[in-house]
N, C-alpha and C. Protein backbone atom coordinates (compact mmCIF):
# COMPACT_ATOMS: atom_id res chain seq x y z
N MET A 1 -245.01 10.37 50.66
CA MET A 1 -243.88 11.23 51.01
C MET A 1 -244.38 12.47 51.73
N SER A 2 -243.57 12.95 52.61
CA SER A 2 -243.91 14.18 53.32
C SER A 2 -243.54 15.38 52.46
N PHE A 3 -244.08 16.52 52.85
CA PHE A 3 -243.78 17.75 52.12
C PHE A 3 -242.29 18.06 52.14
N SER A 4 -241.65 17.88 53.28
CA SER A 4 -240.22 18.18 53.38
C SER A 4 -239.39 17.22 52.53
N ALA A 5 -239.80 15.97 52.44
CA ALA A 5 -239.09 15.02 51.58
C ALA A 5 -239.28 15.39 50.11
N ASP A 6 -240.52 15.78 49.74
CA ASP A 6 -240.78 16.22 48.37
C ASP A 6 -239.93 17.45 48.02
N LEU A 7 -239.87 18.37 48.96
CA LEU A 7 -239.09 19.59 48.75
C LEU A 7 -237.61 19.27 48.62
N ALA A 8 -237.11 18.38 49.44
CA ALA A 8 -235.71 17.98 49.37
C ALA A 8 -235.40 17.29 48.05
N ALA A 9 -236.31 16.43 47.59
CA ALA A 9 -236.12 15.75 46.30
C ALA A 9 -236.11 16.75 45.16
N PHE A 10 -237.02 17.73 45.21
CA PHE A 10 -237.05 18.76 44.16
C PHE A 10 -235.77 19.58 44.17
N ALA A 11 -235.30 19.95 45.37
CA ALA A 11 -234.07 20.75 45.47
C ALA A 11 -232.88 19.98 44.92
N ALA A 12 -232.81 18.68 45.21
CA ALA A 12 -231.72 17.86 44.69
C ALA A 12 -231.78 17.79 43.17
N LYS A 13 -232.98 17.59 42.64
CA LYS A 13 -233.13 17.50 41.18
C LYS A 13 -232.80 18.85 40.52
N ALA A 14 -233.24 19.93 41.14
CA ALA A 14 -232.94 21.27 40.60
C ALA A 14 -231.45 21.54 40.62
N GLY A 15 -230.77 21.12 41.71
CA GLY A 15 -229.32 21.30 41.80
C GLY A 15 -228.59 20.52 40.72
N GLU A 16 -229.02 19.29 40.48
CA GLU A 16 -228.41 18.47 39.43
C GLU A 16 -228.64 19.11 38.06
N SER A 17 -229.85 19.62 37.85
CA SER A 17 -230.18 20.25 36.57
C SER A 17 -229.32 21.49 36.35
N LEU A 18 -229.17 22.30 37.37
CA LEU A 18 -228.34 23.51 37.26
C LEU A 18 -226.89 23.14 36.99
N ASP A 19 -226.38 22.13 37.69
CA ASP A 19 -225.01 21.69 37.50
C ASP A 19 -224.80 21.19 36.06
N LYS A 20 -225.73 20.39 35.55
CA LYS A 20 -225.64 19.90 34.16
C LYS A 20 -225.65 21.06 33.19
N THR A 21 -226.49 22.06 33.47
CA THR A 21 -226.59 23.22 32.59
C THR A 21 -225.28 24.00 32.55
N VAL A 22 -224.69 24.24 33.71
CA VAL A 22 -223.42 24.97 33.78
C VAL A 22 -222.33 24.21 33.03
N ARG A 23 -222.25 22.92 33.26
CA ARG A 23 -221.24 22.10 32.57
C ARG A 23 -221.47 22.08 31.06
N MET A 24 -222.73 21.95 30.65
CA MET A 24 -223.05 21.90 29.22
C MET A 24 -222.65 23.20 28.52
N VAL A 25 -222.95 24.32 29.15
CA VAL A 25 -222.60 25.62 28.55
C VAL A 25 -221.09 25.77 28.47
N ALA A 26 -220.38 25.39 29.51
CA ALA A 26 -218.92 25.51 29.51
C ALA A 26 -218.28 24.61 28.45
N VAL A 27 -218.78 23.39 28.31
CA VAL A 27 -218.25 22.48 27.29
C VAL A 27 -218.59 22.99 25.89
N ASP A 28 -219.80 23.48 25.70
CA ASP A 28 -220.18 24.03 24.39
C ASP A 28 -219.30 25.22 24.02
N LEU A 29 -219.10 26.12 24.96
CA LEU A 29 -218.27 27.30 24.70
C LEU A 29 -216.83 26.90 24.44
N GLY A 30 -216.27 26.08 25.31
CA GLY A 30 -214.88 25.65 25.14
C GLY A 30 -214.66 24.90 23.84
N SER A 31 -215.59 24.02 23.49
CA SER A 31 -215.48 23.26 22.24
C SER A 31 -215.49 24.18 21.04
N ALA A 32 -216.38 25.16 21.08
CA ALA A 32 -216.46 26.11 19.96
C ALA A 32 -215.18 26.92 19.84
N ILE A 33 -214.60 27.33 20.96
CA ILE A 33 -213.34 28.09 20.94
C ILE A 33 -212.24 27.23 20.33
N ILE A 34 -212.12 26.00 20.82
CA ILE A 34 -211.07 25.10 20.33
C ILE A 34 -211.24 24.84 18.84
N LYS A 35 -212.45 24.51 18.43
CA LYS A 35 -212.70 24.15 17.02
C LYS A 35 -212.56 25.33 16.07
N SER A 36 -212.73 26.55 16.56
CA SER A 36 -212.60 27.72 15.69
C SER A 36 -211.19 28.29 15.67
N THR A 37 -210.27 27.64 16.37
CA THR A 37 -208.87 28.07 16.38
C THR A 37 -208.20 27.65 15.07
N PRO A 38 -207.49 28.56 14.41
CA PRO A 38 -206.79 28.19 13.17
C PRO A 38 -205.90 26.97 13.39
N ARG A 39 -205.86 26.08 12.40
CA ARG A 39 -205.18 24.79 12.59
C ARG A 39 -203.98 24.57 11.70
N ASP A 40 -203.19 25.56 11.47
CA ASP A 40 -202.00 25.41 10.62
C ASP A 40 -201.15 24.22 11.06
N THR A 41 -200.60 24.27 12.24
CA THR A 41 -199.81 23.15 12.76
C THR A 41 -200.58 22.38 13.84
N GLY A 42 -201.68 22.94 14.32
CA GLY A 42 -202.45 22.33 15.39
C GLY A 42 -201.97 22.72 16.77
N ARG A 43 -200.87 23.45 16.84
CA ARG A 43 -200.30 23.81 18.14
C ARG A 43 -201.22 24.76 18.90
N ALA A 44 -201.81 25.72 18.22
CA ALA A 44 -202.71 26.66 18.90
C ALA A 44 -203.94 25.93 19.43
N MET A 45 -204.48 25.02 18.64
CA MET A 45 -205.64 24.25 19.09
C MET A 45 -205.28 23.39 20.31
N GLY A 46 -204.16 22.75 20.25
CA GLY A 46 -203.74 21.85 21.32
C GLY A 46 -203.39 22.55 22.61
N ASN A 47 -203.11 23.85 22.55
CA ASN A 47 -202.70 24.57 23.74
C ASN A 47 -203.86 25.14 24.54
N TRP A 48 -205.09 24.91 24.13
CA TRP A 48 -206.21 25.29 24.97
C TRP A 48 -206.23 24.33 26.15
N GLN A 49 -206.16 24.89 27.35
CA GLN A 49 -206.09 24.09 28.57
C GLN A 49 -207.28 24.43 29.47
N THR A 50 -207.89 23.41 30.04
CA THR A 50 -209.04 23.60 30.92
C THR A 50 -208.66 23.25 32.34
N THR A 51 -208.86 24.21 33.23
CA THR A 51 -208.56 24.02 34.65
C THR A 51 -209.68 24.64 35.48
N THR A 52 -209.73 24.27 36.74
CA THR A 52 -210.63 24.92 37.68
C THR A 52 -209.79 25.49 38.81
N GLY A 53 -210.31 26.54 39.41
CA GLY A 53 -209.60 27.17 40.54
C GLY A 53 -208.62 28.23 40.11
N THR A 54 -207.65 27.85 39.28
CA THR A 54 -206.66 28.80 38.77
C THR A 54 -206.41 28.51 37.30
N PRO A 55 -206.13 29.54 36.51
CA PRO A 55 -205.85 29.30 35.10
C PRO A 55 -204.49 28.65 34.89
N ALA A 56 -204.36 27.90 33.81
CA ALA A 56 -203.07 27.32 33.44
C ALA A 56 -202.08 28.45 33.18
N ALA A 57 -200.82 28.22 33.53
CA ALA A 57 -199.83 29.29 33.44
C ALA A 57 -198.79 29.08 32.35
N ASP A 58 -198.72 27.91 31.77
CA ASP A 58 -197.65 27.60 30.82
C ASP A 58 -198.20 27.07 29.50
N GLU A 59 -197.33 27.05 28.50
CA GLU A 59 -197.64 26.37 27.24
C GLU A 59 -197.48 24.87 27.48
N ILE A 60 -198.15 24.09 26.65
CA ILE A 60 -197.96 22.65 26.72
C ILE A 60 -197.59 22.12 25.34
N ASP A 61 -197.06 20.93 25.30
CA ASP A 61 -196.62 20.32 24.05
C ASP A 61 -197.71 19.37 23.55
N ARG A 62 -198.78 19.95 23.00
CA ARG A 62 -199.89 19.16 22.49
C ARG A 62 -200.38 19.82 21.20
N THR A 63 -200.70 19.03 20.21
CA THR A 63 -201.23 19.57 18.96
C THR A 63 -202.59 18.96 18.67
N GLY A 64 -203.36 19.67 17.88
CA GLY A 64 -204.67 19.19 17.47
C GLY A 64 -205.74 19.41 18.52
N GLU A 65 -206.97 19.19 18.09
CA GLU A 65 -208.09 19.50 18.96
C GLU A 65 -208.48 18.36 19.90
N SER A 66 -208.17 17.12 19.56
CA SER A 66 -208.71 15.99 20.33
C SER A 66 -208.28 16.00 21.80
N GLY A 67 -207.02 16.26 22.07
CA GLY A 67 -206.56 16.29 23.46
C GLY A 67 -207.16 17.44 24.23
N ALA A 68 -207.27 18.59 23.59
CA ALA A 68 -207.85 19.77 24.24
C ALA A 68 -209.33 19.54 24.54
N LEU A 69 -210.05 18.92 23.60
CA LEU A 69 -211.47 18.64 23.81
C LEU A 69 -211.67 17.60 24.92
N ALA A 70 -210.84 16.58 24.94
CA ALA A 70 -210.94 15.57 26.00
C ALA A 70 -210.67 16.18 27.37
N GLU A 71 -209.66 17.04 27.44
CA GLU A 71 -209.34 17.70 28.71
C GLU A 71 -210.49 18.60 29.15
N LEU A 72 -211.07 19.31 28.20
CA LEU A 72 -212.20 20.19 28.50
C LEU A 72 -213.32 19.39 29.14
N LYS A 73 -213.73 18.31 28.52
CA LYS A 73 -214.84 17.50 29.04
C LYS A 73 -214.51 16.89 30.40
N GLN A 74 -213.27 16.54 30.62
CA GLN A 74 -212.87 15.94 31.89
C GLN A 74 -212.75 16.96 33.01
N ASN A 75 -212.27 18.16 32.71
CA ASN A 75 -211.93 19.12 33.75
C ASN A 75 -212.95 20.21 34.00
N VAL A 76 -213.98 20.30 33.18
CA VAL A 76 -214.95 21.39 33.35
C VAL A 76 -215.64 21.27 34.70
N GLY A 77 -215.79 22.41 35.36
CA GLY A 77 -216.42 22.44 36.67
C GLY A 77 -217.90 22.72 36.57
N GLY A 78 -218.60 22.48 37.64
CA GLY A 78 -220.03 22.71 37.68
C GLY A 78 -220.37 23.96 38.46
N VAL A 79 -221.54 23.94 39.07
CA VAL A 79 -222.04 25.09 39.83
C VAL A 79 -221.06 25.42 40.95
N GLY A 80 -220.75 26.69 41.10
CA GLY A 80 -219.88 27.14 42.17
C GLY A 80 -218.39 26.99 41.89
N THR A 81 -218.06 26.53 40.70
CA THR A 81 -216.67 26.33 40.31
C THR A 81 -216.35 27.23 39.14
N VAL A 82 -215.21 27.88 39.18
CA VAL A 82 -214.76 28.68 38.05
C VAL A 82 -213.93 27.78 37.14
N THR A 83 -214.34 27.69 35.89
CA THR A 83 -213.60 26.93 34.89
C THR A 83 -212.84 27.89 34.01
N TYR A 84 -211.55 27.64 33.85
CA TYR A 84 -210.71 28.47 32.99
C TYR A 84 -210.37 27.71 31.72
N ILE A 85 -210.53 28.37 30.59
CA ILE A 85 -210.10 27.83 29.31
C ILE A 85 -209.02 28.78 28.82
N THR A 86 -207.78 28.33 28.91
CA THR A 86 -206.62 29.21 28.75
C THR A 86 -205.73 28.73 27.61
N ASN A 87 -205.15 29.68 26.90
CA ASN A 87 -204.15 29.36 25.89
C ASN A 87 -202.99 30.33 26.09
N ASN A 88 -201.82 29.81 26.40
CA ASN A 88 -200.68 30.65 26.75
C ASN A 88 -199.64 30.78 25.64
N LEU A 89 -199.99 30.42 24.43
CA LEU A 89 -199.03 30.62 23.34
C LEU A 89 -198.80 32.11 23.14
N PRO A 90 -197.59 32.52 22.84
CA PRO A 90 -197.30 33.95 22.72
C PRO A 90 -198.04 34.63 21.57
N TYR A 91 -198.50 33.86 20.60
CA TYR A 91 -199.18 34.47 19.45
C TYR A 91 -200.69 34.26 19.45
N ILE A 92 -201.27 33.78 20.53
CA ILE A 92 -202.69 33.48 20.54
C ILE A 92 -203.54 34.75 20.37
N MET A 93 -203.12 35.87 20.93
CA MET A 93 -203.88 37.11 20.76
C MET A 93 -203.85 37.58 19.30
N ARG A 94 -202.73 37.37 18.63
CA ARG A 94 -202.68 37.73 17.22
C ARG A 94 -203.64 36.88 16.42
N LEU A 95 -203.74 35.59 16.74
CA LEU A 95 -204.71 34.73 16.06
C LEU A 95 -206.14 35.21 16.33
N GLU A 96 -206.41 35.57 17.56
CA GLU A 96 -207.74 36.07 17.92
C GLU A 96 -208.07 37.34 17.15
N GLN A 97 -207.07 38.15 16.88
CA GLN A 97 -207.30 39.42 16.20
C GLN A 97 -207.26 39.31 14.68
N GLY A 98 -207.16 38.08 14.15
CA GLY A 98 -207.26 37.89 12.71
C GLY A 98 -205.94 37.73 11.98
N TRP A 99 -204.88 37.41 12.66
CA TRP A 99 -203.55 37.25 12.06
C TRP A 99 -203.52 36.14 11.03
N SER A 100 -204.32 35.11 11.23
CA SER A 100 -204.34 33.96 10.32
C SER A 100 -205.41 34.16 9.24
N ASP A 101 -205.10 33.72 8.03
CA ASP A 101 -206.09 33.75 6.96
C ASP A 101 -207.16 32.67 7.15
N GLN A 102 -206.94 31.75 8.09
CA GLN A 102 -207.85 30.63 8.29
C GLN A 102 -209.12 31.00 9.05
N SER A 103 -209.12 32.11 9.74
CA SER A 103 -210.32 32.51 10.47
C SER A 103 -210.41 34.02 10.53
N PRO A 104 -211.64 34.53 10.57
CA PRO A 104 -211.81 35.98 10.65
C PRO A 104 -211.40 36.49 12.03
N PRO A 105 -211.19 37.79 12.15
CA PRO A 105 -210.85 38.35 13.46
C PRO A 105 -211.93 38.05 14.49
N TYR A 106 -211.48 37.76 15.69
CA TYR A 106 -212.35 37.54 16.85
C TYR A 106 -213.29 36.35 16.68
N ALA A 107 -212.85 35.36 15.95
CA ALA A 107 -213.68 34.17 15.72
C ALA A 107 -213.58 33.17 16.85
N MET A 108 -212.48 33.16 17.57
CA MET A 108 -212.30 32.14 18.61
C MET A 108 -213.06 32.51 19.88
N VAL A 109 -212.52 33.43 20.64
CA VAL A 109 -213.10 33.73 21.95
C VAL A 109 -214.25 34.73 21.84
N ARG A 110 -213.99 35.88 21.28
CA ARG A 110 -215.05 36.91 21.25
C ARG A 110 -216.25 36.48 20.42
N GLY A 111 -216.02 35.84 19.31
CA GLY A 111 -217.14 35.38 18.48
C GLY A 111 -217.99 34.36 19.19
N ASN A 112 -217.37 33.45 19.89
CA ASN A 112 -218.12 32.43 20.60
C ASN A 112 -218.77 32.97 21.87
N MET A 113 -218.14 33.93 22.52
CA MET A 113 -218.76 34.57 23.69
C MET A 113 -220.02 35.32 23.27
N ALA A 114 -220.02 35.88 22.08
CA ALA A 114 -221.20 36.59 21.59
C ALA A 114 -222.38 35.65 21.41
N ARG A 115 -222.11 34.37 21.18
CA ARG A 115 -223.18 33.39 20.99
C ARG A 115 -223.55 32.65 22.28
N ILE A 116 -222.93 33.01 23.39
CA ILE A 116 -223.12 32.25 24.63
C ILE A 116 -224.56 32.29 25.11
N GLN A 117 -225.26 33.39 24.92
CA GLN A 117 -226.65 33.49 25.39
C GLN A 117 -227.52 32.42 24.75
N GLN A 118 -227.32 32.18 23.48
CA GLN A 118 -228.07 31.12 22.78
C GLN A 118 -227.71 29.75 23.37
N ASN A 119 -226.44 29.53 23.67
CA ASN A 119 -226.01 28.26 24.26
C ASN A 119 -226.64 28.06 25.64
N ILE A 120 -226.73 29.14 26.41
CA ILE A 120 -227.33 29.04 27.74
C ILE A 120 -228.81 28.70 27.63
N ALA A 121 -229.52 29.37 26.75
CA ALA A 121 -230.95 29.08 26.58
C ALA A 121 -231.18 27.64 26.18
N GLU A 122 -230.37 27.11 25.29
CA GLU A 122 -230.48 25.72 24.85
C GLU A 122 -230.19 24.75 25.99
N ALA A 123 -229.16 25.03 26.77
CA ALA A 123 -228.80 24.16 27.89
C ALA A 123 -229.90 24.18 28.97
N VAL A 124 -230.47 25.33 29.23
CA VAL A 124 -231.56 25.42 30.20
C VAL A 124 -232.76 24.61 29.72
N ARG A 125 -233.09 24.74 28.45
CA ARG A 125 -234.22 23.99 27.88
C ARG A 125 -233.99 22.48 28.02
N LYS A 126 -232.79 22.02 27.76
CA LYS A 126 -232.49 20.59 27.84
C LYS A 126 -232.46 20.05 29.25
N ASN A 127 -232.14 20.89 30.23
CA ASN A 127 -231.96 20.43 31.60
C ASN A 127 -233.02 20.94 32.57
N LYS A 128 -234.19 21.26 32.05
CA LYS A 128 -235.27 21.75 32.90
C LYS A 128 -235.66 20.74 33.96
N VAL A 129 -236.05 21.26 35.10
CA VAL A 129 -236.55 20.39 36.18
C VAL A 129 -238.03 20.19 35.98
């Protein structure tokens, strides 16, 4: 192989690795947010929506974590794509702030964002070139 072909192969592999890392971190973060959502009726868990480009604007009629997790894995974007994990229920901020006895304050989004650095380090380690 020529040097330029070797370089091109390395760049392609590095790009794939970076894309896998971005997707892995987004799925890990989104999964943790969904799973840490209080599950009284499952409506709050089911209303986590994953989109790219623009955030979801409405509530949806879905309960439980399975549909939200499946959507997350299907819709998460890679490098150069903004992935939105949105919940438009009118009481979602109250849940985030500790309104439910099922989870401590800031356990869903803020708590999981605080752990994101560890998730990134793990994803980088797994997807090294």
